[in-house]
Amino acid sequence: MRIHLIRHAVPVVDRTVPASEWVLAGDQPGLTRLARGLGRVTERGWWLSSPEPKARATASALTGRQVATDPALVEMRRGRADLTGAQFVAAVTRALAHPGEPALEGWETAASVADRVCAAAVTACVRAHAGAATDLVLVGHGTAWTVLIAGLTGTDPDIAAWRRLQLPDHCVLTGDAGGAWQLTSGWLAARS
């Protein structure tokens, strides 16, 4: 079985609301390229999205339909929205390097994110497999997917890969719901 992880497309950044409420920006040429690259996975895969608007809209743009959501697939919960780009990168880097500690006050730990997204992904794999779908496609967020990959493959979070992620982006893991997973196709950004 394969799990396709798709990071959402470019959102409209509005610092007056939490990032979990951001919507997609207008023109998205990256989505068109990604849709071409996914090919038949769009039709055959079992799709599940984070309920955040930017993830749901990305899934809908790629499939042409509404996709089921799972609240466990939301991004790492973060308290502050007023960080500069450099402060944000430093905080996420700290969160990934020290998964048991919150990067900043009010932030969810990377370990907590890993627990919830890994459980949701494995549950979704079982459902997708039972439904005879060959691929599971999860649409969500960069930090959540970074800790999911680490959790499923038994490795440390790849901070360098997280820093290179694009909007949107895509990678593939191969394995089974029993726990033997490997990253078989890294993030598109890393391959460009």
N, C-alpha and C. Protein backbone atom coordinates (compact mmCIF):
# COMPACT_ATOMS: atom_id res chain seq x y z
N MET A 1 0.85 -1.18 0.00
CA MET A 1 0.00 0.00 0.00
C MET A 1 0.88 1.23 0.00
N ARG A 2 0.38 2.29 -0.62
CA ARG A 2 1.10 3.56 -0.63
C ARG A 2 0.27 4.64 0.07
N ILE A 3 0.97 5.49 0.80
CA ILE A 3 0.37 6.70 1.37
C ILE A 3 0.98 7.89 0.65
N HIS A 4 0.14 8.66 0.01
CA HIS A 4 0.56 9.92 -0.61
C HIS A 4 0.28 11.01 0.40
N LEU A 5 1.29 11.77 0.75
CA LEU A 5 1.11 12.93 1.64
C LEU A 5 1.17 14.17 0.77
N ILE A 6 0.14 14.98 0.84
CA ILE A 6 0.08 16.22 0.08
C ILE A 6 0.02 17.38 1.05
N ARG A 7 0.99 18.27 0.91
CA ARG A 7 0.94 19.51 1.68
C ARG A 7 0.07 20.49 0.91
N HIS A 8 -0.78 21.20 1.61
CA HIS A 8 -1.72 22.14 1.01
C HIS A 8 -1.02 23.17 0.12
N ALA A 9 -1.81 23.80 -0.75
CA ALA A 9 -1.31 24.84 -1.65
C ALA A 9 -1.16 26.17 -0.90
N VAL A 10 -0.81 27.21 -1.62
CA VAL A 10 -0.51 28.53 -1.05
C VAL A 10 -1.75 29.16 -0.42
N PRO A 11 -1.69 29.50 0.88
CA PRO A 11 -2.84 30.16 1.51
C PRO A 11 -2.72 31.69 1.44
N VAL A 12 -3.82 32.34 1.73
CA VAL A 12 -3.81 33.78 1.96
C VAL A 12 -3.41 33.96 3.42
N VAL A 13 -2.26 34.57 3.66
CA VAL A 13 -1.79 34.77 5.03
C VAL A 13 -2.49 35.98 5.63
N ASP A 14 -3.22 35.72 6.70
CA ASP A 14 -3.97 36.77 7.40
C ASP A 14 -3.62 36.65 8.87
N ARG A 15 -2.72 37.48 9.33
CA ARG A 15 -2.23 37.41 10.71
C ARG A 15 -3.29 37.80 11.74
N THR A 16 -4.47 38.24 11.30
CA THR A 16 -5.52 38.60 12.25
C THR A 16 -6.34 37.38 12.66
N VAL A 17 -6.14 36.25 11.99
CA VAL A 17 -6.84 35.01 12.35
C VAL A 17 -5.82 33.89 12.48
N PRO A 18 -6.15 32.84 13.20
CA PRO A 18 -5.23 31.72 13.33
C PRO A 18 -4.95 31.08 11.95
N ALA A 19 -3.76 30.56 11.78
CA ALA A 19 -3.38 29.91 10.51
C ALA A 19 -4.33 28.77 10.16
N SER A 20 -4.93 28.15 11.17
CA SER A 20 -5.88 27.05 10.92
C SER A 20 -7.14 27.52 10.19
N GLU A 21 -7.34 28.84 10.09
CA GLU A 21 -8.51 29.39 9.40
C GLU A 21 -8.18 29.98 8.03
N TRP A 22 -6.91 29.94 7.64
CA TRP A 22 -6.51 30.53 6.36
C TRP A 22 -7.12 29.76 5.20
N VAL A 23 -7.43 30.49 4.13
CA VAL A 23 -8.00 29.91 2.91
C VAL A 23 -6.94 29.94 1.81
N LEU A 24 -7.21 29.26 0.71
CA LEU A 24 -6.25 29.25 -0.39
C LEU A 24 -6.25 30.58 -1.14
N ALA A 25 -5.08 30.93 -1.64
CA ALA A 25 -4.93 32.10 -2.51
C ALA A 25 -5.54 31.77 -3.87
N GLY A 26 -5.67 32.76 -4.71
CA GLY A 26 -6.29 32.59 -6.03
C GLY A 26 -5.57 31.63 -6.95
N ASP A 27 -4.86 32.14 -7.93
CA ASP A 27 -4.20 31.34 -8.96
C ASP A 27 -3.20 30.38 -8.32
N GLN A 28 -3.28 29.10 -8.67
CA GLN A 28 -2.44 28.08 -8.06
C GLN A 28 -1.83 27.16 -9.14
N PRO A 29 -0.84 27.64 -9.90
CA PRO A 29 -0.24 26.78 -10.93
C PRO A 29 0.40 25.52 -10.34
N GLY A 30 0.84 25.59 -9.11
CA GLY A 30 1.41 24.41 -8.46
C GLY A 30 0.41 23.28 -8.32
N LEU A 31 -0.86 23.62 -8.09
CA LEU A 31 -1.90 22.60 -7.99
C LEU A 31 -2.12 21.89 -9.33
N THR A 32 -2.06 22.64 -10.41
CA THR A 32 -2.22 22.03 -11.73
C THR A 32 -1.10 21.05 -12.01
N ARG A 33 0.14 21.45 -11.70
CA ARG A 33 1.29 20.55 -11.90
C ARG A 33 1.16 19.31 -11.02
N LEU A 34 0.76 19.50 -9.78
CA LEU A 34 0.62 18.37 -8.87
C LEU A 34 -0.47 17.42 -9.35
N ALA A 35 -1.58 17.94 -9.79
CA ALA A 35 -2.68 17.10 -10.29
C ALA A 35 -2.20 16.25 -11.46
N ARG A 36 -1.44 16.85 -12.38
CA ARG A 36 -0.88 16.07 -13.50
C ARG A 36 0.03 14.97 -12.99
N GLY A 37 0.85 15.29 -12.00
CA GLY A 37 1.78 14.31 -11.44
C GLY A 37 1.09 13.16 -10.72
N LEU A 38 -0.05 13.45 -10.10
CA LEU A 38 -0.78 12.40 -9.38
C LEU A 38 -1.49 11.45 -10.32
N GLY A 39 -1.89 11.95 -11.48
CA GLY A 39 -2.54 11.11 -12.48
C GLY A 39 -3.71 10.32 -11.93
N ARG A 40 -3.66 9.01 -12.11
CA ARG A 40 -4.79 8.13 -11.75
C ARG A 40 -5.00 8.01 -10.24
N VAL A 41 -4.02 8.41 -9.44
CA VAL A 41 -4.22 8.37 -7.98
C VAL A 41 -5.42 9.22 -7.59
N THR A 42 -5.65 10.29 -8.34
CA THR A 42 -6.78 11.17 -8.06
C THR A 42 -8.10 10.40 -8.16
N GLU A 43 -8.19 9.48 -9.10
CA GLU A 43 -9.42 8.71 -9.29
C GLU A 43 -9.49 7.47 -8.41
N ARG A 44 -8.38 6.76 -8.25
CA ARG A 44 -8.39 5.46 -7.56
C ARG A 44 -8.13 5.56 -6.06
N GLY A 45 -7.47 6.60 -5.62
CA GLY A 45 -7.07 6.67 -4.22
C GLY A 45 -8.22 6.92 -3.27
N TRP A 46 -7.98 6.59 -2.00
CA TRP A 46 -8.93 6.86 -0.92
C TRP A 46 -8.43 8.13 -0.26
N TRP A 47 -9.15 9.23 -0.38
CA TRP A 47 -8.71 10.55 0.04
C TRP A 47 -9.26 10.92 1.41
N LEU A 48 -8.41 11.58 2.19
CA LEU A 48 -8.77 12.08 3.51
C LEU A 48 -7.99 13.37 3.74
N SER A 49 -8.64 14.38 4.27
CA SER A 49 -8.02 15.69 4.44
C SER A 49 -8.11 16.18 5.87
N SER A 50 -7.19 17.05 6.22
CA SER A 50 -7.33 17.87 7.41
C SER A 50 -8.59 18.72 7.20
N PRO A 51 -9.31 19.05 8.27
CA PRO A 51 -10.49 19.89 8.11
C PRO A 51 -10.16 21.38 7.92
N GLU A 52 -8.89 21.75 8.02
CA GLU A 52 -8.55 23.17 7.85
C GLU A 52 -8.89 23.60 6.42
N PRO A 53 -9.43 24.83 6.24
CA PRO A 53 -9.90 25.28 4.93
C PRO A 53 -8.85 25.15 3.81
N LYS A 54 -7.59 25.48 4.08
CA LYS A 54 -6.58 25.42 3.01
C LYS A 54 -6.31 23.98 2.57
N ALA A 55 -6.42 23.03 3.47
CA ALA A 55 -6.23 21.62 3.12
C ALA A 55 -7.45 21.09 2.36
N ARG A 56 -8.63 21.38 2.88
CA ARG A 56 -9.87 20.93 2.21
C ARG A 56 -9.95 21.48 0.79
N ALA A 57 -9.61 22.74 0.62
CA ALA A 57 -9.66 23.36 -0.71
C ALA A 57 -8.62 22.75 -1.64
N THR A 58 -7.46 22.40 -1.11
CA THR A 58 -6.43 21.74 -1.93
C THR A 58 -6.95 20.39 -2.40
N ALA A 59 -7.52 19.60 -1.48
CA ALA A 59 -8.06 18.29 -1.85
C ALA A 59 -9.16 18.43 -2.89
N SER A 60 -10.05 19.39 -2.72
CA SER A 60 -11.14 19.59 -3.68
C SER A 60 -10.60 20.01 -5.04
N ALA A 61 -9.58 20.87 -5.05
CA ALA A 61 -9.00 21.31 -6.32
C ALA A 61 -8.34 20.15 -7.05
N LEU A 62 -7.75 19.22 -6.32
CA LEU A 62 -7.08 18.08 -6.95
C LEU A 62 -8.04 17.00 -7.41
N THR A 63 -9.17 16.86 -6.73
CA THR A 63 -10.10 15.77 -7.04
C THR A 63 -11.35 16.23 -7.78
N GLY A 64 -11.68 17.51 -7.68
CA GLY A 64 -12.92 18.00 -8.26
C GLY A 64 -14.14 17.66 -7.44
N ARG A 65 -13.93 17.27 -6.18
CA ARG A 65 -15.05 16.91 -5.31
C ARG A 65 -14.68 17.20 -3.86
N GLN A 66 -15.66 17.13 -2.99
CA GLN A 66 -15.40 17.25 -1.56
C GLN A 66 -14.75 15.95 -1.08
N VAL A 67 -13.85 16.07 -0.13
CA VAL A 67 -13.13 14.92 0.41
C VAL A 67 -13.44 14.81 1.89
N ALA A 68 -13.53 13.59 2.39
CA ALA A 68 -13.76 13.38 3.82
C ALA A 68 -12.63 14.01 4.63
N THR A 69 -12.95 14.42 5.86
CA THR A 69 -11.94 15.04 6.72
C THR A 69 -11.80 14.26 8.02
N ASP A 70 -10.65 14.47 8.66
CA ASP A 70 -10.38 13.86 9.96
C ASP A 70 -9.72 14.93 10.84
N PRO A 71 -10.33 15.29 11.96
CA PRO A 71 -9.76 16.35 12.80
C PRO A 71 -8.38 16.01 13.35
N ALA A 72 -8.00 14.74 13.36
CA ALA A 72 -6.67 14.36 13.85
C ALA A 72 -5.57 14.80 12.89
N LEU A 73 -5.93 15.18 11.67
CA LEU A 73 -4.92 15.54 10.67
C LEU A 73 -4.61 17.03 10.63
N VAL A 74 -5.10 17.80 11.59
CA VAL A 74 -4.79 19.24 11.61
C VAL A 74 -3.30 19.44 11.85
N GLU A 75 -2.85 20.64 11.53
CA GLU A 75 -1.46 21.01 11.74
C GLU A 75 -1.15 21.11 13.23
N MET A 76 0.13 21.13 13.56
CA MET A 76 0.57 21.34 14.94
C MET A 76 -0.15 22.58 15.48
N ARG A 77 -0.78 22.45 16.61
CA ARG A 77 -1.51 23.59 17.19
C ARG A 77 -0.50 24.58 17.76
N ARG A 78 -0.67 25.83 17.34
CA ARG A 78 0.29 26.87 17.71
C ARG A 78 -0.44 28.04 18.33
N GLY A 79 0.10 28.56 19.41
CA GLY A 79 -0.55 29.65 20.12
C GLY A 79 -0.41 31.00 19.47
N ARG A 80 0.78 31.32 18.96
CA ARG A 80 1.03 32.68 18.48
C ARG A 80 0.99 32.74 16.96
N ALA A 81 0.36 33.77 16.43
CA ALA A 81 0.30 33.97 14.98
C ALA A 81 1.16 35.16 14.55
N ASP A 82 1.79 35.86 15.51
CA ASP A 82 2.50 37.10 15.18
C ASP A 82 4.01 36.91 15.04
N LEU A 83 4.45 35.70 14.69
CA LEU A 83 5.88 35.45 14.54
C LEU A 83 6.35 35.88 13.16
N THR A 84 7.58 36.38 13.11
CA THR A 84 8.18 36.66 11.80
C THR A 84 8.53 35.31 11.15
N GLY A 85 8.87 35.34 9.87
CA GLY A 85 9.25 34.12 9.18
C GLY A 85 10.40 33.40 9.86
N ALA A 86 11.43 34.15 10.24
CA ALA A 86 12.60 33.55 10.89
C ALA A 86 12.24 33.00 12.27
N GLN A 87 11.39 33.70 13.01
CA GLN A 87 10.97 33.21 14.32
C GLN A 87 10.16 31.92 14.19
N PHE A 88 9.29 31.87 13.18
CA PHE A 88 8.47 30.69 12.94
C PHE A 88 9.37 29.49 12.60
N VAL A 89 10.31 29.67 11.69
CA VAL A 89 11.22 28.58 11.30
C VAL A 89 12.00 28.11 12.52
N ALA A 90 12.48 29.03 13.33
CA ALA A 90 13.24 28.65 14.52
C ALA A 90 12.37 27.87 15.50
N ALA A 91 11.12 28.28 15.67
CA ALA A 91 10.22 27.59 16.60
C ALA A 91 9.89 26.18 16.11
N VAL A 92 9.58 26.04 14.83
CA VAL A 92 9.27 24.70 14.31
C VAL A 92 10.50 23.82 14.36
N THR A 93 11.65 24.37 14.04
CA THR A 93 12.91 23.60 14.13
C THR A 93 13.12 23.10 15.55
N ARG A 94 12.88 23.96 16.52
CA ARG A 94 13.01 23.58 17.93
C ARG A 94 11.99 22.49 18.28
N ALA A 95 10.77 22.62 17.79
CA ALA A 95 9.73 21.62 18.06
C ALA A 95 10.12 20.26 17.48
N LEU A 96 10.65 20.24 16.26
CA LEU A 96 11.04 18.98 15.63
C LEU A 96 12.28 18.37 16.27
N ALA A 97 13.20 19.22 16.72
CA ALA A 97 14.43 18.72 17.34
C ALA A 97 14.20 18.21 18.76
N HIS A 98 13.19 18.75 19.43
CA HIS A 98 12.87 18.38 20.82
C HIS A 98 11.39 18.02 20.89
N PRO A 99 11.00 16.85 20.35
CA PRO A 99 9.58 16.53 20.18
C PRO A 99 8.75 16.48 21.45
N GLY A 100 9.36 16.27 22.59
CA GLY A 100 8.60 16.18 23.83
C GLY A 100 8.35 17.52 24.50
N GLU A 101 8.89 18.59 23.93
CA GLU A 101 8.77 19.92 24.54
C GLU A 101 8.03 20.87 23.60
N PRO A 102 7.14 21.72 24.13
CA PRO A 102 6.53 22.73 23.26
C PRO A 102 7.58 23.75 22.84
N ALA A 103 7.58 24.13 21.58
CA ALA A 103 8.56 25.10 21.08
C ALA A 103 8.36 26.47 21.71
N LEU A 104 7.11 26.83 21.89
CA LEU A 104 6.74 28.10 22.52
C LEU A 104 5.52 27.85 23.40
N GLU A 105 5.26 28.77 24.31
CA GLU A 105 4.08 28.64 25.15
C GLU A 105 2.84 28.55 24.28
N GLY A 106 1.99 27.56 24.58
CA GLY A 106 0.76 27.38 23.84
C GLY A 106 0.89 26.48 22.61
N TRP A 107 2.10 26.01 22.30
CA TRP A 107 2.30 25.14 21.14
C TRP A 107 2.15 23.69 21.55
N GLU A 108 1.55 22.91 20.69
CA GLU A 108 1.47 21.46 20.85
C GLU A 108 2.86 20.87 20.62
N THR A 109 3.19 19.81 21.34
CA THR A 109 4.49 19.17 21.12
C THR A 109 4.47 18.34 19.84
N ALA A 110 5.62 18.16 19.24
CA ALA A 110 5.73 17.31 18.05
C ALA A 110 5.37 15.87 18.38
N ALA A 111 5.67 15.43 19.60
CA ALA A 111 5.32 14.07 20.01
C ALA A 111 3.81 13.88 20.02
N SER A 112 3.09 14.88 20.50
CA SER A 112 1.62 14.81 20.50
C SER A 112 1.07 14.79 19.08
N VAL A 113 1.64 15.63 18.21
CA VAL A 113 1.22 15.64 16.81
C VAL A 113 1.46 14.27 16.19
N ALA A 114 2.64 13.70 16.44
CA ALA A 114 2.98 12.38 15.88
C ALA A 114 1.97 11.33 16.34
N ASP A 115 1.64 11.34 17.61
CA ASP A 115 0.68 10.35 18.13
C ASP A 115 -0.65 10.43 17.39
N ARG A 116 -1.19 11.64 17.25
CA ARG A 116 -2.52 11.74 16.64
C ARG A 116 -2.50 11.51 15.15
N VAL A 117 -1.50 12.04 14.42
CA VAL A 117 -1.52 11.85 12.96
C VAL A 117 -1.14 10.42 12.58
N CYS A 118 -0.24 9.79 13.33
CA CYS A 118 0.10 8.38 13.03
C CYS A 118 -1.10 7.48 13.26
N ALA A 119 -1.80 7.68 14.35
CA ALA A 119 -2.99 6.86 14.62
C ALA A 119 -4.04 7.06 13.54
N ALA A 120 -4.26 8.30 13.13
CA ALA A 120 -5.25 8.59 12.09
C ALA A 120 -4.82 7.98 10.75
N ALA A 121 -3.54 8.09 10.42
CA ALA A 121 -3.05 7.55 9.14
C ALA A 121 -3.17 6.04 9.10
N VAL A 122 -2.80 5.37 10.18
CA VAL A 122 -2.89 3.90 10.20
C VAL A 122 -4.34 3.46 10.13
N THR A 123 -5.22 4.14 10.85
CA THR A 123 -6.65 3.82 10.79
C THR A 123 -7.17 4.02 9.37
N ALA A 124 -6.77 5.11 8.73
CA ALA A 124 -7.19 5.37 7.35
C ALA A 124 -6.64 4.33 6.40
N CYS A 125 -5.42 3.85 6.65
CA CYS A 125 -4.84 2.78 5.80
C CYS A 125 -5.69 1.53 5.87
N VAL A 126 -6.09 1.18 7.06
CA VAL A 126 -6.92 -0.02 7.22
C VAL A 126 -8.23 0.16 6.46
N ARG A 127 -8.85 1.33 6.58
CA ARG A 127 -10.10 1.59 5.87
C ARG A 127 -9.89 1.56 4.36
N ALA A 128 -8.82 2.20 3.89
CA ALA A 128 -8.55 2.24 2.45
C ALA A 128 -8.29 0.84 1.91
N HIS A 129 -7.55 0.06 2.67
CA HIS A 129 -7.23 -1.30 2.23
C HIS A 129 -8.49 -2.16 2.20
N ALA A 130 -9.34 -1.99 3.19
CA ALA A 130 -10.58 -2.76 3.23
C ALA A 130 -11.49 -2.38 2.07
N GLY A 131 -11.40 -1.14 1.62
CA GLY A 131 -12.21 -0.68 0.50
C GLY A 131 -11.57 -0.97 -0.85
N ALA A 132 -10.49 -1.73 -0.88
CA ALA A 132 -9.79 -2.14 -2.09
C ALA A 132 -9.09 -0.99 -2.81
N ALA A 133 -8.96 0.16 -2.19
CA ALA A 133 -8.18 1.24 -2.79
C ALA A 133 -6.70 0.89 -2.64
N THR A 134 -5.94 1.15 -3.66
CA THR A 134 -4.52 0.81 -3.57
C THR A 134 -3.71 1.91 -2.93
N ASP A 135 -4.21 3.12 -2.96
CA ASP A 135 -3.47 4.25 -2.42
C ASP A 135 -4.34 5.02 -1.43
N LEU A 136 -3.69 5.50 -0.38
CA LEU A 136 -4.31 6.42 0.57
C LEU A 136 -3.70 7.78 0.29
N VAL A 137 -4.51 8.80 0.14
CA VAL A 137 -4.02 10.16 -0.11
C VAL A 137 -4.47 11.04 1.05
N LEU A 138 -3.49 11.56 1.79
CA LEU A 138 -3.77 12.43 2.92
C LEU A 138 -3.36 13.85 2.55
N VAL A 139 -4.26 14.80 2.74
CA VAL A 139 -3.98 16.19 2.42
C VAL A 139 -3.93 16.97 3.72
N GLY A 140 -2.83 17.67 3.93
CA GLY A 140 -2.68 18.39 5.19
C GLY A 140 -1.52 19.35 5.20
N HIS A 141 -0.64 19.19 6.19
CA HIS A 141 0.27 20.25 6.58
C HIS A 141 1.71 19.76 6.76
N GLY A 142 2.64 20.67 6.50
CA GLY A 142 4.06 20.34 6.49
C GLY A 142 4.63 19.80 7.79
N THR A 143 4.35 20.45 8.89
CA THR A 143 4.91 19.98 10.16
C THR A 143 4.27 18.65 10.57
N ALA A 144 2.96 18.55 10.41
CA ALA A 144 2.28 17.30 10.75
C ALA A 144 2.80 16.15 9.89
N TRP A 145 3.01 16.40 8.60
CA TRP A 145 3.51 15.33 7.73
C TRP A 145 4.96 14.99 8.04
N THR A 146 5.75 15.96 8.46
CA THR A 146 7.14 15.68 8.84
C THR A 146 7.19 14.73 10.03
N VAL A 147 6.36 14.95 11.03
CA VAL A 147 6.38 14.05 12.19
C VAL A 147 5.68 12.73 11.87
N LEU A 148 4.71 12.74 10.95
CA LEU A 148 4.08 11.49 10.52
C LEU A 148 5.10 10.59 9.84
N ILE A 149 5.87 11.13 8.92
CA ILE A 149 6.90 10.35 8.24
C ILE A 149 7.87 9.76 9.26
N ALA A 150 8.32 10.58 10.19
CA ALA A 150 9.24 10.10 11.21
C ALA A 150 8.60 8.98 12.05
N GLY A 151 7.35 9.17 12.43
CA GLY A 151 6.67 8.18 13.25
C GLY A 151 6.46 6.86 12.52
N LEU A 152 6.08 6.91 11.24
CA LEU A 152 5.83 5.68 10.49
C LEU A 152 7.11 4.96 10.11
N THR A 153 8.18 5.71 9.86
CA THR A 153 9.44 5.09 9.41
C THR A 153 10.40 4.82 10.56
N GLY A 154 10.08 5.29 11.77
CA GLY A 154 10.96 5.07 12.91
C GLY A 154 12.24 5.88 12.84
N THR A 155 12.18 7.06 12.24
CA THR A 155 13.34 7.93 12.10
C THR A 155 13.10 9.24 12.83
N ASP A 156 14.13 10.07 12.91
CA ASP A 156 13.96 11.41 13.46
C ASP A 156 13.29 12.30 12.42
N PRO A 157 12.55 13.33 12.85
CA PRO A 157 11.97 14.26 11.88
C PRO A 157 13.07 14.88 11.01
N ASP A 158 12.83 14.94 9.71
CA ASP A 158 13.80 15.48 8.77
C ASP A 158 13.59 17.00 8.67
N ILE A 159 14.34 17.71 9.49
CA ILE A 159 14.18 19.17 9.58
C ILE A 159 14.59 19.83 8.26
N ALA A 160 15.64 19.33 7.64
CA ALA A 160 16.09 19.91 6.36
C ALA A 160 15.00 19.76 5.30
N ALA A 161 14.35 18.59 5.24
CA ALA A 161 13.27 18.39 4.27
C ALA A 161 12.10 19.32 4.59
N TRP A 162 11.77 19.48 5.88
CA TRP A 162 10.69 20.40 6.25
C TRP A 162 10.99 21.81 5.75
N ARG A 163 12.22 22.25 5.89
CA ARG A 163 12.59 23.61 5.47
C ARG A 163 12.47 23.80 3.95
N ARG A 164 12.62 22.71 3.18
CA ARG A 164 12.55 22.81 1.72
C ARG A 164 11.14 22.63 1.16
N LEU A 165 10.19 22.28 2.00
CA LEU A 165 8.83 22.05 1.51
C LEU A 165 8.28 23.23 0.73
N GLN A 166 7.53 22.91 -0.31
CA GLN A 166 6.86 23.92 -1.13
C GLN A 166 5.36 23.86 -0.85
N LEU A 167 4.64 24.79 -1.44
CA LEU A 167 3.19 24.86 -1.33
C LEU A 167 2.60 24.77 -2.73
N PRO A 168 1.97 23.72 -3.16
CA PRO A 168 1.81 22.43 -2.49
C PRO A 168 3.06 21.58 -2.66
N ASP A 169 3.06 20.43 -2.01
CA ASP A 169 4.15 19.47 -2.15
C ASP A 169 3.57 18.07 -1.97
N HIS A 170 4.37 17.05 -2.30
CA HIS A 170 3.87 15.67 -2.34
C HIS A 170 5.02 14.70 -2.10
N CYS A 171 4.77 13.66 -1.31
CA CYS A 171 5.72 12.56 -1.15
C CYS A 171 4.93 11.26 -1.00
N VAL A 172 5.64 10.13 -1.05
CA VAL A 172 4.98 8.83 -0.99
C VAL A 172 5.72 7.92 -0.01
N LEU A 173 4.94 7.24 0.83
CA LEU A 173 5.46 6.18 1.69
C LEU A 173 4.85 4.86 1.22
N THR A 174 5.63 3.79 1.32
CA THR A 174 5.14 2.47 0.96
C THR A 174 5.27 1.57 2.17
N GLY A 175 4.25 0.74 2.39
CA GLY A 175 4.29 -0.18 3.52
C GLY A 175 2.95 -0.82 3.74
N ASP A 176 2.67 -1.09 5.02
CA ASP A 176 1.40 -1.71 5.36
C ASP A 176 0.94 -1.21 6.72
N ALA A 177 -0.32 -1.44 7.01
CA ALA A 177 -0.90 -0.95 8.26
C ALA A 177 -0.26 -1.60 9.47
N GLY A 178 0.49 -2.68 9.26
CA GLY A 178 1.17 -3.36 10.37
C GLY A 178 2.38 -2.62 10.89
N GLY A 179 2.87 -1.63 10.15
CA GLY A 179 3.94 -0.80 10.70
C GLY A 179 5.25 -0.77 9.95
N ALA A 180 5.40 -1.45 8.83
CA ALA A 180 6.66 -1.43 8.09
C ALA A 180 6.56 -0.41 6.95
N TRP A 181 6.99 0.83 7.21
CA TRP A 181 6.87 1.90 6.23
C TRP A 181 8.23 2.45 5.85
N GLN A 182 8.33 2.87 4.58
CA GLN A 182 9.54 3.57 4.14
C GLN A 182 9.16 4.68 3.17
N LEU A 183 9.95 5.73 3.19
CA LEU A 183 9.73 6.85 2.28
C LEU A 183 10.30 6.42 0.92
N THR A 184 9.43 6.27 -0.07
CA THR A 184 9.88 5.77 -1.38
C THR A 184 9.95 6.87 -2.43
N SER A 185 9.35 7.99 -2.18
CA SER A 185 9.42 9.12 -3.10
C SER A 185 9.37 10.38 -2.25
N GLY A 186 10.54 11.02 -2.10
CA GLY A 186 10.62 12.21 -1.25
C GLY A 186 9.82 13.36 -1.78
N TRP A 187 9.78 14.41 -1.01
CA TRP A 187 9.02 15.60 -1.38
C TRP A 187 9.44 16.09 -2.75
N LEU A 188 8.46 16.53 -3.53
CA LEU A 188 8.73 17.05 -4.88
C LEU A 188 9.75 18.18 -4.83
N ALA A 189 9.67 19.05 -3.84
CA ALA A 189 10.58 20.17 -3.74
C ALA A 189 12.03 19.69 -3.65
N ALA A 190 12.26 18.58 -2.97
CA ALA A 190 13.61 18.06 -2.82
C ALA A 190 14.13 17.46 -4.12
N ARG A 191 13.19 17.09 -5.02
CA ARG A 191 13.60 16.48 -6.28
C ARG A 191 13.74 17.50 -7.40
N SER A 192 13.31 18.75 -7.18
CA SER A 192 13.38 19.74 -8.26
C SER A 192 14.76 20.32 -8.39
